[in-house]
C-alpha atoms as a PDB file:
ATOM      1  CA  MET A   1      27.091 -18.712 -47.439  1.00  0.00           C
ATOM      2  CA  ASN A   2      26.007 -16.774 -44.380  1.00  0.00           C
ATOM      3  CA  LEU A   3      27.998 -18.236 -41.530  1.00  0.00           C
ATOM      4  CA  PHE A   4      25.640 -17.959 -38.910  1.00  0.00           C
ATOM      5  CA  GLN A   5      27.152 -14.665 -53.743  1.00  0.00           C
ATOM      6  CA  ARG A   6      29.045 -15.505 -56.435  1.00  0.00           C
ATOM      7  CA  ILE A   7      30.818 -13.029 -58.713  1.00  0.00           C
ATOM      8  CA  PRO A   8      30.508 -13.373 -62.488  1.00  0.00           C
ATOM      9  CA  ALA A   9      32.539 -16.197 -63.941  1.00  0.00           C
ATOM     10  CA  ALA A  10      34.617 -13.726 -65.940  1.00  0.00           C
ATOM     11  CA  VAL A  11      35.954 -12.214 -62.733  1.00  0.00           C
ATOM     12  CA  SER A  12      38.039 -14.368 -60.436  1.00  0.00           C
ATOM     13  CA  LEU A  13      38.018 -13.239 -56.830  1.00  0.00           C
ATOM     14  CA  ALA A  14      41.108 -15.339 -56.183  1.00  0.00           C
ATOM     15  CA  ALA A  15      42.959 -13.514 -58.936  1.00  0.00           C
ATOM     16  CA  LEU A  16      41.939 -10.169 -57.527  1.00  0.00           C
ATOM     17  CA  CYS A  17      43.173 -11.200 -54.099  1.00  0.00           C
ATOM     18  CA  ALA A  18      46.512 -12.341 -55.506  1.00  0.00           C
ATOM     19  CA  ALA A  19      46.972  -9.131 -57.453  1.00  0.00           C
ATOM     20  CA  SER A  20      46.403  -6.987 -54.372  1.00  0.00           C
ATOM     21  CA  ALA A  21      48.390  -9.153 -51.934  1.00  0.00           C
ATOM     22  CA  ALA A  22      51.310  -6.734 -51.983  1.00  0.00           C
ATOM     23  CA  HIS A  23      49.007  -4.022 -50.604  1.00  0.00           C
ATOM     24  CA  ALA A  24      47.243  -6.190 -48.031  1.00  0.00           C
ATOM     25  CA  GLY A  25      46.372  -4.659 -44.686  1.00  0.00           C
ATOM     26  CA  ALA A  26      45.448  -5.974 -41.251  1.00  0.00           C
ATOM     27  CA  LEU A  27      42.278  -5.589 -39.225  1.00  0.00           C
ATOM     28  CA  THR A  28      42.346  -5.667 -35.426  1.00  0.00           C
ATOM     29  CA  VAL A  29      38.938  -6.229 -33.858  1.00  0.00           C
ATOM     30  CA  ASN A  30      38.683  -5.184 -30.202  1.00  0.00           C
ATOM     31  CA  VAL A  31      35.918  -7.372 -28.783  1.00  0.00           C
ATOM     32  CA  VAL A  32      34.275  -6.446 -25.480  1.00  0.00           C
ATOM     33  CA  ASP A  33      31.294  -7.718 -23.500  1.00  0.00           C
ATOM     34  CA  ALA A  34      28.157  -5.839 -22.447  1.00  0.00           C
ATOM     35  CA  ALA A  35      30.124  -4.137 -19.641  1.00  0.00           C
ATOM     36  CA  GLY A  36      32.978  -3.119 -21.932  1.00  0.00           C
ATOM     37  CA  LYS A  37      35.422  -5.755 -20.676  1.00  0.00           C
ATOM     38  CA  PRO A  38      37.679  -7.649 -23.145  1.00  0.00           C
ATOM     39  CA  LEU A  39      36.343 -10.991 -24.375  1.00  0.00           C
ATOM     40  CA  LEU A  40      38.546 -14.045 -24.807  1.00  0.00           C
ATOM     41  CA  ASP A  41      37.663 -16.600 -27.492  1.00  0.00           C
ATOM     42  CA  ALA A  42      35.573 -14.328 -29.686  1.00  0.00           C
ATOM     43  CA  VAL A  43      35.731 -15.144 -33.398  1.00  0.00           C
ATOM     44  CA  ALA A  44      35.995 -12.443 -36.071  1.00  0.00           C
ATOM     45  CA  LEU A  45      35.373 -13.339 -39.720  1.00  0.00           C
ATOM     46  CA  LEU A  46      35.728 -11.139 -42.799  1.00  0.00           C
ATOM     47  CA  GLU A  47      33.575 -12.055 -45.798  1.00  0.00           C
ATOM     48  CA  PRO A  48      33.937 -10.314 -49.178  1.00  0.00           C
ATOM     49  CA  ALA A  49      31.038  -7.933 -49.786  1.00  0.00           C
ATOM     50  CA  SER A  50      30.512  -9.706 -53.113  1.00  0.00           C
ATOM     51  CA  GLY A  51      31.614 -13.130 -54.235  1.00  0.00           C
ATOM     52  CA  LYS A  52      33.353 -15.781 -52.193  1.00  0.00           C
ATOM     53  CA  ALA A  53      37.002 -16.310 -51.402  1.00  0.00           C
ATOM     54  CA  ALA A  54      38.622 -19.708 -51.889  1.00  0.00           C
ATOM     55  CA  VAL A  55      39.501 -21.603 -48.724  1.00  0.00           C
ATOM     56  CA  LYS A  56      41.574 -24.717 -48.195  1.00  0.00           C
ATOM     57  CA  PRO A  57      41.422 -27.252 -45.376  1.00  0.00           C
ATOM     58  CA  MET A  58      43.939 -26.664 -42.617  1.00  0.00           C
ATOM     59  CA  PRO A  59      46.262 -29.333 -41.246  1.00  0.00           C
ATOM     60  CA  ASP A  60      44.520 -31.634 -38.779  1.00  0.00           C
ATOM     61  CA  VAL A  61      43.704 -29.993 -35.454  1.00  0.00           C
ATOM     62  CA  GLU A  62      43.487 -31.615 -32.020  1.00  0.00           C
ATOM     63  CA  ILE A  63      40.608 -31.114 -29.598  1.00  0.00           C
ATOM     64  CA  SER A  64      41.587 -33.071 -26.525  1.00  0.00           C
ATOM     65  CA  GLN A  65      39.892 -34.003 -23.289  1.00  0.00           C
ATOM     66  CA  ALA A  66      41.829 -33.583 -20.068  1.00  0.00           C
ATOM     67  CA  LYS A  67      40.579 -33.093 -16.508  1.00  0.00           C
ATOM     68  CA  ARG A  68      37.067 -33.495 -17.926  1.00  0.00           C
ATOM     69  CA  GLN A  69      37.396 -30.411 -20.089  1.00  0.00           C
ATOM     70  CA  PHE A  70      37.835 -29.859 -23.804  1.00  0.00           C
ATOM     71  CA  GLN A  71      41.029 -28.157 -24.920  1.00  0.00           C
ATOM     72  CA  PRO A  72      40.846 -25.753 -26.634  1.00  0.00           C
ATOM     73  CA  ARG A  73      37.475 -24.373 -25.652  1.00  0.00           C
ATOM     74  CA  VAL A  74      36.994 -22.668 -29.021  1.00  0.00           C
ATOM     75  CA  THR A  75      38.568 -24.047 -32.204  1.00  0.00           C
ATOM     76  CA  LEU A  76      38.587 -21.979 -35.393  1.00  0.00           C
ATOM     77  CA  ILE A  77      39.117 -23.867 -38.663  1.00  0.00           C
ATOM     78  CA  THR A  78      38.290 -23.717 -42.356  1.00  0.00           C
ATOM     79  CA  VAL A  79      35.798 -25.915 -44.194  1.00  0.00           C
ATOM     80  CA  GLY A  80      37.164 -29.396 -44.875  1.00  0.00           C
ATOM     81  CA  THR A  81      39.554 -29.453 -41.904  1.00  0.00           C
ATOM     82  CA  ARG A  82      39.764 -32.652 -39.854  1.00  0.00           C
ATOM     83  CA  ALA A  83      39.885 -32.831 -36.050  1.00  0.00           C
ATOM     84  CA  THR A  84      41.126 -35.574 -33.766  1.00  0.00           C
ATOM     85  CA  PHE A  85      39.717 -36.041 -30.253  1.00  0.00           C
ATOM     86  CA  PRO A  86      42.313 -37.694 -27.990  1.00  0.00           C
ATOM     87  CA  ASN A  87      41.149 -38.555 -24.479  1.00  0.00           C
ATOM     88  CA  PHE A  88      43.882 -38.005 -21.886  1.00  0.00           C
ATOM     89  CA  ASP A  89      41.619 -38.692 -18.912  1.00  0.00           C
ATOM     90  CA  THR A  90      41.484 -41.938 -16.977  1.00  0.00           C
ATOM     91  CA  VAL A  91      37.724 -42.074 -17.582  1.00  0.00           C
ATOM     92  CA  ARG A  92      36.055 -42.628 -20.935  1.00  0.00           C
ATOM     93  CA  HIS A  93      34.207 -39.902 -22.825  1.00  0.00           C
ATOM     94  CA  HIS A  94      31.374 -39.913 -25.371  1.00  0.00           C
ATOM     95  CA  VAL A  95      31.908 -36.858 -27.592  1.00  0.00           C
ATOM     96  CA  TYR A  96      29.082 -35.627 -29.773  1.00  0.00           C
ATOM     97  CA  SER A  97      27.638 -32.707 -31.720  1.00  0.00           C
ATOM     98  CA  PHE A  98      24.028 -32.354 -32.841  1.00  0.00           C
ATOM     99  CA  SER A  99      24.661 -29.025 -34.592  1.00  0.00           C
ATOM    100  CA  PRO A 100      23.564 -28.539 -38.228  1.00  0.00           C
ATOM    101  CA  ALA A 101      27.155 -27.565 -39.095  1.00  0.00           C
ATOM    102  CA  LYS A 102      28.332 -31.029 -38.023  1.00  0.00           C
ATOM    103  CA  THR A 103      26.501 -33.960 -36.472  1.00  0.00           C
ATOM    104  CA  PHE A 104      28.612 -36.834 -35.166  1.00  0.00           C
ATOM    105  CA  GLU A 105      29.195 -39.152 -32.212  1.00  0.00           C
ATOM    106  CA  LEU A 106      32.364 -40.719 -30.853  1.00  0.00           C
ATOM    107  CA  LYS A 107      30.860 -43.312 -28.574  1.00  0.00           C
ATOM    108  CA  LEU A 108      32.341 -44.120 -25.188  1.00  0.00           C
ATOM    109  CA  TYR A 109      36.100 -44.379 -25.673  1.00  0.00           C
ATOM    110  CA  ALA A 110      39.551 -43.959 -24.177  1.00  0.00           C
ATOM    111  CA  GLY A 111      42.734 -42.987 -26.000  1.00  0.00           C
ATOM    112  CA  VAL A 112      42.434 -41.750 -29.588  1.00  0.00           C
ATOM    113  CA  PRO A 113      39.541 -42.637 -31.933  1.00  0.00           C
ATOM    114  CA  ASN A 114      40.594 -44.409 -35.122  1.00  0.00           C
ATOM    115  CA  ALA A 115      39.370 -41.769 -37.584  1.00  0.00           C
ATOM    116  CA  PRO A 116      39.397 -37.968 -37.428  1.00  0.00           C
ATOM    117  CA  VAL A 117      36.155 -36.010 -37.852  1.00  0.00           C
ATOM    118  CA  THR A 118      35.917 -33.849 -41.002  1.00  0.00           C
ATOM    119  CA  PHE A 119      34.082 -30.542 -40.592  1.00  0.00           C
ATOM    120  CA  ASP A 120      32.749 -30.138 -44.121  1.00  0.00           C
ATOM    121  CA  LYS A 121      30.156 -27.357 -43.691  1.00  0.00           C
ATOM    122  CA  PRO A 122      30.550 -23.781 -42.422  1.00  0.00           C
ATOM    123  CA  GLY A 123      28.912 -22.833 -39.153  1.00  0.00           C
ATOM    124  CA  VAL A 124      29.295 -23.437 -35.437  1.00  0.00           C
ATOM    125  CA  ALA A 125      29.383 -26.968 -34.017  1.00  0.00           C
ATOM    126  CA  VAL A 126      28.716 -27.247 -30.291  1.00  0.00           C
ATOM    127  CA  LEU A 127      30.530 -30.157 -28.660  1.00  0.00           C
ATOM    128  CA  GLY A 128      29.472 -32.032 -25.576  1.00  0.00           C
ATOM    129  CA  CYS A 129      30.118 -35.237 -23.667  1.00  0.00           C
ATOM    130  CA  ASN A 130      27.229 -37.623 -23.109  1.00  0.00           C
ATOM    131  CA  ILE A 131      28.794 -38.746 -19.825  1.00  0.00           C
ATOM    132  CA  HIS A 132      29.908 -35.395 -18.367  1.00  0.00           C
ATOM    133  CA  ASP A 133      27.279 -32.700 -18.872  1.00  0.00           C
ATOM    134  CA  THR A 134      29.571 -29.857 -17.785  1.00  0.00           C
ATOM    135  CA  MET A 135      31.934 -30.417 -20.716  1.00  0.00           C
ATOM    136  CA  ALA A 136      31.380 -28.050 -23.647  1.00  0.00           C
ATOM    137  CA  ALA A 137      33.388 -26.679 -26.548  1.00  0.00           C
ATOM    138  CA  TRP A 138      32.767 -24.956 -29.865  1.00  0.00           C
ATOM    139  CA  VAL A 139      34.173 -25.487 -33.354  1.00  0.00           C
ATOM    140  CA  VAL A 140      33.746 -22.517 -35.698  1.00  0.00           C
ATOM    141  CA  VAL A 141      34.073 -23.638 -39.320  1.00  0.00           C
ATOM    142  CA  SER A 142      34.876 -20.752 -41.655  1.00  0.00           C
ATOM    143  CA  ASP A 143      34.310 -20.468 -45.394  1.00  0.00           C
ATOM    144  CA  THR A 144      36.486 -17.360 -45.594  1.00  0.00           C
ATOM    145  CA  PRO A 145      40.306 -17.317 -45.261  1.00  0.00           C
ATOM    146  CA  TRP A 146      40.275 -14.101 -43.196  1.00  0.00           C
ATOM    147  CA  PHE A 147      39.509 -14.858 -39.563  1.00  0.00           C
ATOM    148  CA  ALA A 148      40.949 -14.657 -36.063  1.00  0.00           C
ATOM    149  CA  ARG A 149      40.179 -15.623 -32.475  1.00  0.00           C
ATOM    150  CA  SER A 150      40.526 -13.047 -29.719  1.00  0.00           C
ATOM    151  CA  ALA A 151      43.184 -13.259 -27.024  1.00  0.00           C
ATOM    152  CA  ALA A 152      42.669 -12.439 -23.341  1.00  0.00           C
ATOM    153  CA  ASN A 153      42.924  -8.719 -24.167  1.00  0.00           C
ATOM    154  CA  GLY A 154      39.957  -9.044 -26.522  1.00  0.00           C
ATOM    155  CA  HIS A 155      42.037  -8.377 -29.641  1.00  0.00           C
ATOM    156  CA  ALA A 156      41.493 -10.523 -32.740  1.00  0.00           C
ATOM    157  CA  ARG A 157      43.947  -9.588 -35.508  1.00  0.00           C
ATOM    158  CA  ILE A 158      43.255 -10.638 -39.098  1.00  0.00           C
ATOM    159  CA  GLU A 159      46.390 -10.376 -41.230  1.00  0.00           C
ATOM    160  CA  ALA A 160      47.024 -10.014 -44.970  1.00  0.00           C
ATOM    161  CA  VAL A 161      43.589  -8.824 -46.038  1.00  0.00           C
ATOM    162  CA  PRO A 162      43.513  -7.575 -49.658  1.00  0.00           C
ATOM    163  CA  PRO A 163      42.039  -4.074 -50.047  1.00  0.00           C
ATOM    164  CA  GLY A 164      38.319  -4.114 -50.703  1.00  0.00           C
ATOM    165  CA  ASN A 165      34.879  -4.118 -49.163  1.00  0.00           C
ATOM    166  CA  TYR A 166      33.961  -6.740 -46.591  1.00  0.00           C
ATOM    167  CA  ARG A 167      31.365  -7.799 -44.052  1.00  0.00           C
ATOM    168  CA  LEU A 168      32.691  -8.320 -40.525  1.00  0.00           C
ATOM    169  CA  ARG A 169      30.916 -10.827 -38.290  1.00  0.00           C
ATOM    170  CA  VAL A 170      31.881 -11.354 -34.655  1.00  0.00           C
ATOM    171  CA  TRP A 171      30.687 -14.322 -32.575  1.00  0.00           C
ATOM    172  CA  HIS A 172      31.291 -15.577 -29.035  1.00  0.00           C
ATOM    173  CA  PRO A 173      30.139 -18.743 -27.222  1.00  0.00           C
ATOM    174  CA  GLY A 174      28.534 -16.555 -24.553  1.00  0.00           C
ATOM    175  CA  LEU A 175      25.934 -15.355 -27.053  1.00  0.00           C
ATOM    176  CA  PRO A 176      22.526 -17.079 -27.038  1.00  0.00           C
ATOM    177  CA  VAL A 177      22.416 -20.307 -29.054  1.00  0.00           C
ATOM    178  CA  ASN A 178      21.773 -19.795 -32.775  1.00  0.00           C
ATOM    179  CA  THR A 179      22.507 -16.073 -32.544  1.00  0.00           C
ATOM    180  CA  GLU A 180      23.298 -14.776 -36.026  1.00  0.00           C
ATOM    181  CA  PRO A 181      26.167 -12.237 -35.871  1.00  0.00           C
ATOM    182  CA  THR A 182      25.110  -8.874 -37.282  1.00  0.00           C
ATOM    183  CA  PRO A 183      27.341  -7.996 -40.257  1.00  0.00           C
ATOM    184  CA  VAL A 184      29.241  -4.706 -40.217  1.00  0.00           C
ATOM    185  CA  ALA A 185      30.482  -3.163 -43.461  1.00  0.00           C
ATOM    186  CA  ILE A 186      34.266  -2.713 -43.457  1.00  0.00           C
ATOM    187  CA  THR A 187      36.558  -1.239 -46.110  1.00  0.00           C
ATOM    188  CA  ILE A 188      40.132  -2.501 -45.970  1.00  0.00           C
ATOM    189  CA  GLY A 189      42.952  -0.454 -47.475  1.00  0.00           C
ATOM    190  CA  ALA A 190      46.720  -0.784 -47.430  1.00  0.00           C
ATOM    191  CA  ALA A 191      46.931   0.643 -43.901  1.00  0.00           C
ATOM    192  CA  ASP A 192      46.057  -1.311 -40.775  1.00  0.00           C
ATOM    193  CA  LEU A 193      42.581  -0.753 -39.352  1.00  0.00           C
ATOM    194  CA  GLU A 194      40.975  -1.140 -35.917  1.00  0.00           C
ATOM    195  CA  GLN A 195      37.325  -1.883 -35.196  1.00  0.00           C
ATOM    196  CA  ARG A 196      35.494  -2.195 -31.859  1.00  0.00           C
ATOM    197  CA  ALA A 197      32.823  -4.861 -31.424  1.00  0.00           C
ATOM    198  CA  GLN A 198      30.624  -4.967 -28.321  1.00  0.00           C
ATOM    199  CA  LEU A 199      28.661  -8.174 -27.845  1.00  0.00           C
ATOM    200  CA  ALA A 200      25.641  -8.786 -25.628  1.00  0.00           C
ATOM    201  CA  VAL A 201      27.542 -11.243 -23.459  1.00  0.00           C
ATOM    202  CA  THR A 202      26.992 -10.876 -19.729  1.00  0.00           C
ATOM    203  CA  ALA A 203      28.147 -14.273 -18.415  1.00  0.00           C
ATOM    204  CA  LEU A 204      30.531 -16.817 -19.886  1.00  0.00           C
ATOM    205  CA  PRO A 205      29.206 -20.349 -20.435  1.00  0.00           C
END
């Protein structure tokens, strides 16, 4: 799947990854904006150049509402992961997403909804509140196990990557809606690697 190929049945990508785990390296992606300043909350994903890597759902994550804001602003999970949406405000919220990656509504509520939301397709789900238009958040659903979110210094570090050829995609919520990250070919070896990614982000949403 293109987030934003199957190998022959006789070759198991999972087996190849396991065999090379002892020689796994790390990739640090230094993400900056159009002016060269570090970007917080950028998402870096590594996809095998051929085939697909197996991914498992993560433990449930929490995307809360407090002071009429979503926390965290950007959530990075794997396909099949469930999210809960507790409301810690004294006012009720109506959380929704109309994104192709996940469409759902949690109609006007306080406290914690009864059932978590399962994000079962890869892509980016944009969250909003039908009552408070200024509230926004993003859920990036990955179908690769090698991913990271950037810290305030703009660094996103992806650990334990088996040696091989990959496509690196870097996304940020400040990019125009439906922007497809341009893939960059990366070769991972046993040694750690650094890569700079400059995104056309001029103002944060």
